[in-house]
Amino acid sequence: MTEKEVFDKIANLLSERFDVEQSSITMDTDFQNDLQADSIDMVEFELELEDDFGEEMPDEEAAQIKTVGQAVKYITAHQQ
């Protein structure tokens, strides 16, 4: 998948999960500051990403992902 395809898929997931307009999500969207995601939200979102992209994300690495752009770059770099 291209970075754009990964972004679109993540933006769609976030739009559904956090009830926000998909068009308002950018690469700079911060999960906690912009979407008010708490730690439970983040774990659930991480599991969703793993299911949707087929890539297991170590907890230490997932904890470092704070923005949509970081998630996109991580998934793009770790695609099989």
C-alpha atoms as a PDB file:
ATOM      1  CA  MET A   1       0.000   0.000   0.000  1.00  0.00           C
ATOM      2  CA  THR A   2       1.119   3.517  -0.635  1.00  0.00           C
ATOM      3  CA  GLU A   3       1.450   6.081   2.136  1.00  0.00           C
ATOM      4  CA  LYS A   4      -1.726   7.771   0.830  1.00  0.00           C
ATOM      5  CA  GLU A   5      -3.678   4.494   0.955  1.00  0.00           C
ATOM      6  CA  VAL A   6      -2.462   3.819   4.501  1.00  0.00           C
ATOM      7  CA  PHE A   7      -3.393   7.378   5.534  1.00  0.00           C
ATOM      8  CA  ASP A   8      -6.881   7.072   4.016  1.00  0.00           C
ATOM      9  CA  LYS A   9      -7.504   3.792   5.809  1.00  0.00           C
ATOM     10  CA  ILE A  10      -6.307   5.179   9.160  1.00  0.00           C
ATOM     11  CA  ALA A  11      -8.322   8.381   8.699  1.00  0.00           C
ATOM     12  CA  ASN A  12     -11.419   6.286   8.030  1.00  0.00           C
ATOM     13  CA  LEU A  13     -10.832   4.185  11.164  1.00  0.00           C
ATOM     14  CA  LEU A  14     -10.326   7.294  13.282  1.00  0.00           C
ATOM     15  CA  SER A  15     -13.387   8.975  11.822  1.00  0.00           C
ATOM     16  CA  GLU A  16     -15.548   6.021  12.847  1.00  0.00           C
ATOM     17  CA  ARG A  17     -13.927   5.451  16.240  1.00  0.00           C
ATOM     18  CA  PHE A  18     -13.818   9.076  17.405  1.00  0.00           C
ATOM     19  CA  ASP A  19     -16.855  10.400  15.532  1.00  0.00           C
ATOM     20  CA  VAL A  20     -14.978  13.123  13.651  1.00  0.00           C
ATOM     21  CA  GLU A  21     -15.084  14.185  10.019  1.00  0.00           C
ATOM     22  CA  GLN A  22     -12.535  12.218   8.018  1.00  0.00           C
ATOM     23  CA  SER A  23     -11.614  15.407   6.169  1.00  0.00           C
ATOM     24  CA  SER A  24     -10.489  17.001   9.461  1.00  0.00           C
ATOM     25  CA  ILE A  25      -7.817  14.331  10.007  1.00  0.00           C
ATOM     26  CA  THR A  26      -4.313  15.216   8.799  1.00  0.00           C
ATOM     27  CA  MET A  27      -0.853  13.721   9.178  1.00  0.00           C
ATOM     28  CA  ASP A  28      -0.358  16.141  12.099  1.00  0.00           C
ATOM     29  CA  THR A  29      -3.483  15.025  13.983  1.00  0.00           C
ATOM     30  CA  ASP A  30      -2.412  14.118  17.510  1.00  0.00           C
ATOM     31  CA  PHE A  31      -4.325  11.205  19.017  1.00  0.00           C
ATOM     32  CA  GLN A  32      -4.459  12.593  22.544  1.00  0.00           C
ATOM     33  CA  ASN A  33      -4.556  16.356  21.987  1.00  0.00           C
ATOM     34  CA  ASP A  34      -6.778  16.492  18.906  1.00  0.00           C
ATOM     35  CA  LEU A  35      -8.931  13.383  19.336  1.00  0.00           C
ATOM     36  CA  GLN A  36      -8.894  13.193  23.154  1.00  0.00           C
ATOM     37  CA  ALA A  37      -7.873   9.532  22.978  1.00  0.00           C
ATOM     38  CA  ASP A  38      -7.079   7.959  26.326  1.00  0.00           C
ATOM     39  CA  SER A  39      -4.846   4.950  26.926  1.00  0.00           C
ATOM     40  CA  ILE A  40      -7.703   2.475  26.416  1.00  0.00           C
ATOM     41  CA  ASP A  41      -8.626   4.148  23.118  1.00  0.00           C
ATOM     42  CA  MET A  42      -5.027   3.854  21.997  1.00  0.00           C
ATOM     43  CA  VAL A  43      -4.764   0.152  22.840  1.00  0.00           C
ATOM     44  CA  GLU A  44      -8.017  -0.550  21.001  1.00  0.00           C
ATOM     45  CA  PHE A  45      -6.841   1.501  18.023  1.00  0.00           C
ATOM     46  CA  GLU A  46      -3.497  -0.335  17.999  1.00  0.00           C
ATOM     47  CA  LEU A  47      -5.358  -3.664  17.884  1.00  0.00           C
ATOM     48  CA  GLU A  48      -7.505  -2.368  15.030  1.00  0.00           C
ATOM     49  CA  LEU A  49      -4.411  -1.338  13.089  1.00  0.00           C
ATOM     50  CA  GLU A  50      -2.856  -4.755  13.651  1.00  0.00           C
ATOM     51  CA  ASP A  51      -6.015  -6.455  12.364  1.00  0.00           C
ATOM     52  CA  ASP A  52      -6.461  -4.179   9.368  1.00  0.00           C
ATOM     53  CA  PHE A  53      -2.836  -4.104   8.257  1.00  0.00           C
ATOM     54  CA  GLY A  54      -1.763  -7.586   9.378  1.00  0.00           C
ATOM     55  CA  GLU A  55       1.271  -6.239  11.192  1.00  0.00           C
ATOM     56  CA  GLU A  56       1.841  -6.811  14.901  1.00  0.00           C
ATOM     57  CA  MET A  57       3.107  -3.712  16.657  1.00  0.00           C
ATOM     58  CA  PRO A  58       5.323  -4.148  19.746  1.00  0.00           C
ATOM     59  CA  ASP A  59       3.892  -2.218  22.716  1.00  0.00           C
ATOM     60  CA  GLU A  60       7.083  -0.165  23.135  1.00  0.00           C
ATOM     61  CA  GLU A  61       6.897   1.007  19.536  1.00  0.00           C
ATOM     62  CA  ALA A  62       3.147   1.629  19.643  1.00  0.00           C
ATOM     63  CA  ALA A  63       3.622   3.836  22.717  1.00  0.00           C
ATOM     64  CA  GLN A  64       5.905   6.114  20.678  1.00  0.00           C
ATOM     65  CA  ILE A  65       3.246   6.794  18.040  1.00  0.00           C
ATOM     66  CA  LYS A  66       1.520  10.078  18.887  1.00  0.00           C
ATOM     67  CA  THR A  67       0.259  11.363  15.519  1.00  0.00           C
ATOM     68  CA  VAL A  68      -1.477  10.025  12.456  1.00  0.00           C
ATOM     69  CA  GLY A  69       1.670  10.718  10.426  1.00  0.00           C
ATOM     70  CA  GLN A  70       3.783   8.602  12.774  1.00  0.00           C
ATOM     71  CA  ALA A  71       1.277   5.741  12.475  1.00  0.00           C
ATOM     72  CA  VAL A  72       1.271   6.012   8.676  1.00  0.00           C
ATOM     73  CA  LYS A  73       5.070   6.020   8.511  1.00  0.00           C
ATOM     74  CA  TYR A  74       5.321   3.051  10.902  1.00  0.00           C
ATOM     75  CA  ILE A  75       2.846   0.947   8.941  1.00  0.00           C
ATOM     76  CA  THR A  76       4.334   1.903   5.580  1.00  0.00           C
ATOM     77  CA  ALA A  77       7.838   0.985   6.791  1.00  0.00           C
ATOM     78  CA  HIS A  78       6.721  -2.357   8.243  1.00  0.00           C
ATOM     79  CA  GLN A  79       4.508  -3.653   5.440  1.00  0.00           C
ATOM     80  CA  GLN A  80       5.217  -7.122   4.197  1.00  0.00           C
END
